[in-house]
Amino acid sequence: MTTLSFTPMTQEDFATFWPHFQSIVVAQETYAIDPDISFEAAYTLWCKQPKASFAITDNQGELLGTYYLKANAAGPGQHVCNCGYMVSPAARGKGVARAMCEHSQQIARHYGFEAMQFNSVVATNQVAVALWQRLGFAIVGTIPNAYRHASLGFVDSYVMYKAL
């Protein structure tokens, strides 16, 4: 059985994951991030601006995924957090996203967050939607045609929420 390790993401970790990050963003199927984002801007977005970001490695040291955790809003809304998750292509379907989501909820509670909200889960990303639902997240809103999918055109996005 593979043991996963969660460590704060370093710039070196991000550089290692960068080709996967780029391919996910360039595919324009799941993330509303400019496909032309530079390494520096992506590192700032994923690792510097959030409250925390983690690198997920297996027992051989292979970097399988990453996630960030941040407040979803400021002031009166800062008790709700937001996360983003990315898994390397070789690790998909192996429970890495589930493990990251479960870990992120523990970390969120540690930081005092009372809920987690995903602001824009692309509706056609059925694997992610189903996983988040299995982990207790509810679709609390649908944003019509909110995402311009590379091959499907405009598709809906979901707002998903879970009280912690």
C-alpha atoms as a PDB file:
ATOM      1  CA  MET A   1       0.000   0.000   0.000  1.00  0.00           C
ATOM      2  CA  THR A   2       1.224   3.475  -0.867  1.00  0.00           C
ATOM      3  CA  THR A   3       1.676   5.914   1.983  1.00  0.00           C
ATOM      4  CA  LEU A   4       1.046   9.551   1.104  1.00  0.00           C
ATOM      5  CA  SER A   5       2.999  12.386   2.690  1.00  0.00           C
ATOM      6  CA  PHE A   6       1.698  15.943   2.918  1.00  0.00           C
ATOM      7  CA  THR A   7       4.357  18.641   3.243  1.00  0.00           C
ATOM      8  CA  PRO A   8       4.243  22.401   2.725  1.00  0.00           C
ATOM      9  CA  MET A   9       4.870  23.063  -0.949  1.00  0.00           C
ATOM     10  CA  THR A  10       8.245  24.616  -1.695  1.00  0.00           C
ATOM     11  CA  GLN A  11       9.223  26.494  -4.829  1.00  0.00           C
ATOM     12  CA  GLU A  12      11.278  23.426  -5.811  1.00  0.00           C
ATOM     13  CA  ASP A  13       8.189  21.210  -5.415  1.00  0.00           C
ATOM     14  CA  PHE A  14       6.169  23.617  -7.515  1.00  0.00           C
ATOM     15  CA  ALA A  15       8.869  23.610 -10.199  1.00  0.00           C
ATOM     16  CA  THR A  16       8.689  19.801 -10.265  1.00  0.00           C
ATOM     17  CA  PHE A  17       4.893  19.897 -10.571  1.00  0.00           C
ATOM     18  CA  TRP A  18       4.929  22.810 -13.071  1.00  0.00           C
ATOM     19  CA  PRO A  19       4.610  20.657 -16.255  1.00  0.00           C
ATOM     20  CA  HIS A  20       1.457  19.036 -14.785  1.00  0.00           C
ATOM     21  CA  PHE A  21       0.100  22.404 -13.660  1.00  0.00           C
ATOM     22  CA  GLN A  22       0.647  23.815 -17.146  1.00  0.00           C
ATOM     23  CA  SER A  23      -0.985  20.856 -18.904  1.00  0.00           C
ATOM     24  CA  ILE A  24      -4.050  21.031 -16.632  1.00  0.00           C
ATOM     25  CA  VAL A  25      -4.454  24.765 -17.182  1.00  0.00           C
ATOM     26  CA  VAL A  26      -3.761  24.621 -20.932  1.00  0.00           C
ATOM     27  CA  ALA A  27      -6.352  21.836 -21.373  1.00  0.00           C
ATOM     28  CA  GLN A  28      -9.051  24.341 -20.305  1.00  0.00           C
ATOM     29  CA  GLU A  29     -11.309  21.598 -18.960  1.00  0.00           C
ATOM     30  CA  THR A  30     -11.261  22.187 -15.191  1.00  0.00           C
ATOM     31  CA  TYR A  31      -9.468  25.369 -14.088  1.00  0.00           C
ATOM     32  CA  ALA A  32     -10.287  28.994 -14.871  1.00  0.00           C
ATOM     33  CA  ILE A  33      -6.644  30.019 -14.925  1.00  0.00           C
ATOM     34  CA  ASP A  34      -5.119  31.852 -17.882  1.00  0.00           C
ATOM     35  CA  PRO A  35      -3.408  29.157 -19.994  1.00  0.00           C
ATOM     36  CA  ASP A  36      -0.548  31.602 -20.631  1.00  0.00           C
ATOM     37  CA  ILE A  37       0.202  32.074 -16.915  1.00  0.00           C
ATOM     38  CA  SER A  38       3.896  32.357 -16.142  1.00  0.00           C
ATOM     39  CA  PHE A  39       5.666  30.149 -13.636  1.00  0.00           C
ATOM     40  CA  GLU A  40       6.124  33.105 -11.281  1.00  0.00           C
ATOM     41  CA  ALA A  41       2.447  34.129 -11.429  1.00  0.00           C
ATOM     42  CA  ALA A  42       1.311  30.518 -10.984  1.00  0.00           C
ATOM     43  CA  TYR A  43       3.633  30.015  -8.017  1.00  0.00           C
ATOM     44  CA  THR A  44       2.280  33.181  -6.411  1.00  0.00           C
ATOM     45  CA  LEU A  45      -1.322  32.137  -7.088  1.00  0.00           C
ATOM     46  CA  TRP A  46      -0.904  28.570  -5.804  1.00  0.00           C
ATOM     47  CA  CYS A  47       1.717  28.878  -3.081  1.00  0.00           C
ATOM     48  CA  LYS A  48       2.211  32.452  -1.882  1.00  0.00           C
ATOM     49  CA  GLN A  49      -1.302  33.936  -1.752  1.00  0.00           C
ATOM     50  CA  PRO A  50      -3.075  31.029  -0.013  1.00  0.00           C
ATOM     51  CA  LYS A  51      -2.879  30.372   3.725  1.00  0.00           C
ATOM     52  CA  ALA A  52      -1.234  27.016   2.949  1.00  0.00           C
ATOM     53  CA  SER A  53      -0.285  24.832   0.006  1.00  0.00           C
ATOM     54  CA  PHE A  54       0.848  21.242   0.133  1.00  0.00           C
ATOM     55  CA  ALA A  55       2.838  18.810  -1.972  1.00  0.00           C
ATOM     56  CA  ILE A  56       1.624  15.218  -1.866  1.00  0.00           C
ATOM     57  CA  THR A  57       4.240  12.528  -2.407  1.00  0.00           C
ATOM     58  CA  ASP A  58       4.238   8.757  -2.255  1.00  0.00           C
ATOM     59  CA  ASN A  59       6.680   6.588  -0.307  1.00  0.00           C
ATOM     60  CA  GLN A  60       9.117   6.714  -3.248  1.00  0.00           C
ATOM     61  CA  GLY A  61       9.126  10.530  -3.143  1.00  0.00           C
ATOM     62  CA  GLU A  62       7.145  10.970  -6.358  1.00  0.00           C
ATOM     63  CA  LEU A  63       5.108  14.181  -6.392  1.00  0.00           C
ATOM     64  CA  LEU A  64       1.536  13.062  -7.081  1.00  0.00           C
ATOM     65  CA  GLY A  65      -0.466  16.198  -6.457  1.00  0.00           C
ATOM     66  CA  THR A  66      -0.849  19.519  -4.781  1.00  0.00           C
ATOM     67  CA  TYR A  67      -3.508  21.626  -3.146  1.00  0.00           C
ATOM     68  CA  TYR A  68      -3.930  25.079  -1.669  1.00  0.00           C
ATOM     69  CA  LEU A  69      -6.177  26.329   1.122  1.00  0.00           C
ATOM     70  CA  LYS A  70      -7.236  29.940   1.614  1.00  0.00           C
ATOM     71  CA  ALA A  71     -10.050  32.014   3.036  1.00  0.00           C
ATOM     72  CA  ASN A  72     -12.857  32.232   0.491  1.00  0.00           C
ATOM     73  CA  ALA A  73     -13.552  35.864   1.393  1.00  0.00           C
ATOM     74  CA  ALA A  74     -12.356  38.536   3.799  1.00  0.00           C
ATOM     75  CA  GLY A  75     -13.863  40.022   6.912  1.00  0.00           C
ATOM     76  CA  PRO A  76     -17.260  38.552   7.772  1.00  0.00           C
ATOM     77  CA  GLY A  77     -16.733  35.746   5.227  1.00  0.00           C
ATOM     78  CA  GLN A  78     -13.306  34.624   6.349  1.00  0.00           C
ATOM     79  CA  HIS A  79     -14.646  31.640   8.315  1.00  0.00           C
ATOM     80  CA  VAL A  80     -15.290  29.806   5.016  1.00  0.00           C
ATOM     81  CA  CYS A  81     -12.276  28.437   3.153  1.00  0.00           C
ATOM     82  CA  ASN A  82     -11.644  27.512  -0.435  1.00  0.00           C
ATOM     83  CA  CYS A  83      -9.310  24.873  -1.870  1.00  0.00           C
ATOM     84  CA  GLY A  84      -7.927  23.907  -5.249  1.00  0.00           C
ATOM     85  CA  TYR A  85      -6.542  20.460  -6.034  1.00  0.00           C
ATOM     86  CA  MET A  86      -4.391  19.138  -8.879  1.00  0.00           C
ATOM     87  CA  VAL A  87      -3.301  15.535  -9.419  1.00  0.00           C
ATOM     88  CA  SER A  88      -0.566  14.397 -11.799  1.00  0.00           C
ATOM     89  CA  PRO A  89      -1.884  12.348 -14.743  1.00  0.00           C
ATOM     90  CA  ALA A  90      -0.071   9.198 -13.552  1.00  0.00           C
ATOM     91  CA  ALA A  91      -1.758   9.405 -10.127  1.00  0.00           C
ATOM     92  CA  ARG A  92      -5.342   9.907 -11.298  1.00  0.00           C
ATOM     93  CA  GLY A  93      -7.852   7.326 -10.128  1.00  0.00           C
ATOM     94  CA  LYS A  94      -5.624   6.217  -7.241  1.00  0.00           C
ATOM     95  CA  GLY A  95      -7.296   8.070  -4.369  1.00  0.00           C
ATOM     96  CA  VAL A  96      -4.959  11.069  -4.317  1.00  0.00           C
ATOM     97  CA  ALA A  97      -7.720  13.678  -4.757  1.00  0.00           C
ATOM     98  CA  ARG A  98      -9.769  12.027  -2.015  1.00  0.00           C
ATOM     99  CA  ALA A  99      -6.766  12.031   0.326  1.00  0.00           C
ATOM    100  CA  MET A 100      -6.032  15.680  -0.463  1.00  0.00           C
ATOM    101  CA  CYS A 101      -9.629  16.723   0.178  1.00  0.00           C
ATOM    102  CA  GLU A 102      -9.742  14.818   3.466  1.00  0.00           C
ATOM    103  CA  HIS A 103      -6.398  16.310   4.525  1.00  0.00           C
ATOM    104  CA  SER A 104      -7.486  19.819   3.524  1.00  0.00           C
ATOM    105  CA  GLN A 105     -10.583  19.547   5.709  1.00  0.00           C
ATOM    106  CA  GLN A 106      -8.398  18.638   8.720  1.00  0.00           C
ATOM    107  CA  ILE A 107      -6.074  21.553   7.994  1.00  0.00           C
ATOM    108  CA  ALA A 108      -9.051  23.882   7.517  1.00  0.00           C
ATOM    109  CA  ARG A 109     -10.416  22.919  10.927  1.00  0.00           C
ATOM    110  CA  HIS A 110      -6.941  23.461  12.414  1.00  0.00           C
ATOM    111  CA  TYR A 111      -6.970  27.025  11.034  1.00  0.00           C
ATOM    112  CA  GLY A 112     -10.443  27.604  12.484  1.00  0.00           C
ATOM    113  CA  PHE A 113     -12.469  27.505   9.275  1.00  0.00           C
ATOM    114  CA  GLU A 114     -16.075  26.458   9.772  1.00  0.00           C
ATOM    115  CA  ALA A 115     -16.938  25.528   6.190  1.00  0.00           C
ATOM    116  CA  MET A 116     -15.372  24.803   2.818  1.00  0.00           C
ATOM    117  CA  GLN A 117     -16.678  26.134  -0.473  1.00  0.00           C
ATOM    118  CA  PHE A 118     -15.633  25.351  -4.018  1.00  0.00           C
ATOM    119  CA  ASN A 119     -16.555  28.389  -6.097  1.00  0.00           C
ATOM    120  CA  SER A 120     -16.460  26.915  -9.568  1.00  0.00           C
ATOM    121  CA  VAL A 121     -16.479  23.166 -10.129  1.00  0.00           C
ATOM    122  CA  VAL A 122     -16.910  22.635 -13.854  1.00  0.00           C
ATOM    123  CA  ALA A 123     -20.108  20.616 -14.254  1.00  0.00           C
ATOM    124  CA  THR A 124     -18.595  18.393 -16.945  1.00  0.00           C
ATOM    125  CA  ASN A 125     -15.841  17.330 -14.507  1.00  0.00           C
ATOM    126  CA  GLN A 126     -18.062  14.469 -13.393  1.00  0.00           C
ATOM    127  CA  VAL A 127     -15.326  12.570 -11.564  1.00  0.00           C
ATOM    128  CA  ALA A 128     -14.604  15.551  -9.305  1.00  0.00           C
ATOM    129  CA  VAL A 129     -18.280  16.402  -8.781  1.00  0.00           C
ATOM    130  CA  ALA A 130     -19.052  12.810  -7.755  1.00  0.00           C
ATOM    131  CA  LEU A 131     -16.029  12.647  -5.427  1.00  0.00           C
ATOM    132  CA  TRP A 132     -16.878  15.917  -3.699  1.00  0.00           C
ATOM    133  CA  GLN A 133     -20.454  14.713  -3.225  1.00  0.00           C
ATOM    134  CA  ARG A 134     -19.249  11.418  -1.724  1.00  0.00           C
ATOM    135  CA  LEU A 135     -17.150  13.491   0.687  1.00  0.00           C
ATOM    136  CA  GLY A 136     -20.208  15.430   1.843  1.00  0.00           C
ATOM    137  CA  PHE A 137     -20.198  18.492  -0.385  1.00  0.00           C
ATOM    138  CA  ALA A 138     -23.529  19.685  -1.769  1.00  0.00           C
ATOM    139  CA  ILE A 139     -24.158  21.597  -4.954  1.00  0.00           C
ATOM    140  CA  VAL A 140     -25.633  24.834  -3.601  1.00  0.00           C
ATOM    141  CA  GLY A 141     -25.704  26.730  -6.863  1.00  0.00           C
ATOM    142  CA  THR A 142     -25.282  26.436 -10.593  1.00  0.00           C
ATOM    143  CA  ILE A 143     -23.683  29.201 -12.630  1.00  0.00           C
ATOM    144  CA  PRO A 144     -24.976  28.826 -16.206  1.00  0.00           C
ATOM    145  CA  ASN A 145     -22.348  28.860 -18.954  1.00  0.00           C
ATOM    146  CA  ALA A 146     -19.688  30.043 -16.500  1.00  0.00           C
ATOM    147  CA  TYR A 147     -16.833  28.076 -18.040  1.00  0.00           C
ATOM    148  CA  ARG A 148     -15.571  28.029 -21.615  1.00  0.00           C
ATOM    149  CA  HIS A 149     -14.495  24.387 -22.004  1.00  0.00           C
ATOM    150  CA  ALA A 150     -11.881  23.805 -24.709  1.00  0.00           C
ATOM    151  CA  SER A 151     -13.905  21.180 -26.584  1.00  0.00           C
ATOM    152  CA  LEU A 152     -17.486  21.559 -25.289  1.00  0.00           C
ATOM    153  CA  GLY A 153     -17.864  25.332 -25.399  1.00  0.00           C
ATOM    154  CA  PHE A 154     -19.779  27.044 -22.620  1.00  0.00           C
ATOM    155  CA  VAL A 155     -20.695  24.719 -19.742  1.00  0.00           C
ATOM    156  CA  ASP A 156     -22.120  25.275 -16.272  1.00  0.00           C
ATOM    157  CA  SER A 157     -20.116  25.494 -13.067  1.00  0.00           C
ATOM    158  CA  TYR A 158     -21.247  24.466  -9.612  1.00  0.00           C
ATOM    159  CA  VAL A 159     -20.750  26.126  -6.276  1.00  0.00           C
ATOM    160  CA  MET A 160     -20.218  23.294  -3.780  1.00  0.00           C
ATOM    161  CA  TYR A 161     -20.282  23.636  -0.006  1.00  0.00           C
ATOM    162  CA  LYS A 162     -19.680  21.648   3.154  1.00  0.00           C
ATOM    163  CA  ALA A 163     -19.920  22.700   6.791  1.00  0.00           C
ATOM    164  CA  LEU A 164     -16.867  21.546   8.727  1.00  0.00           C
END
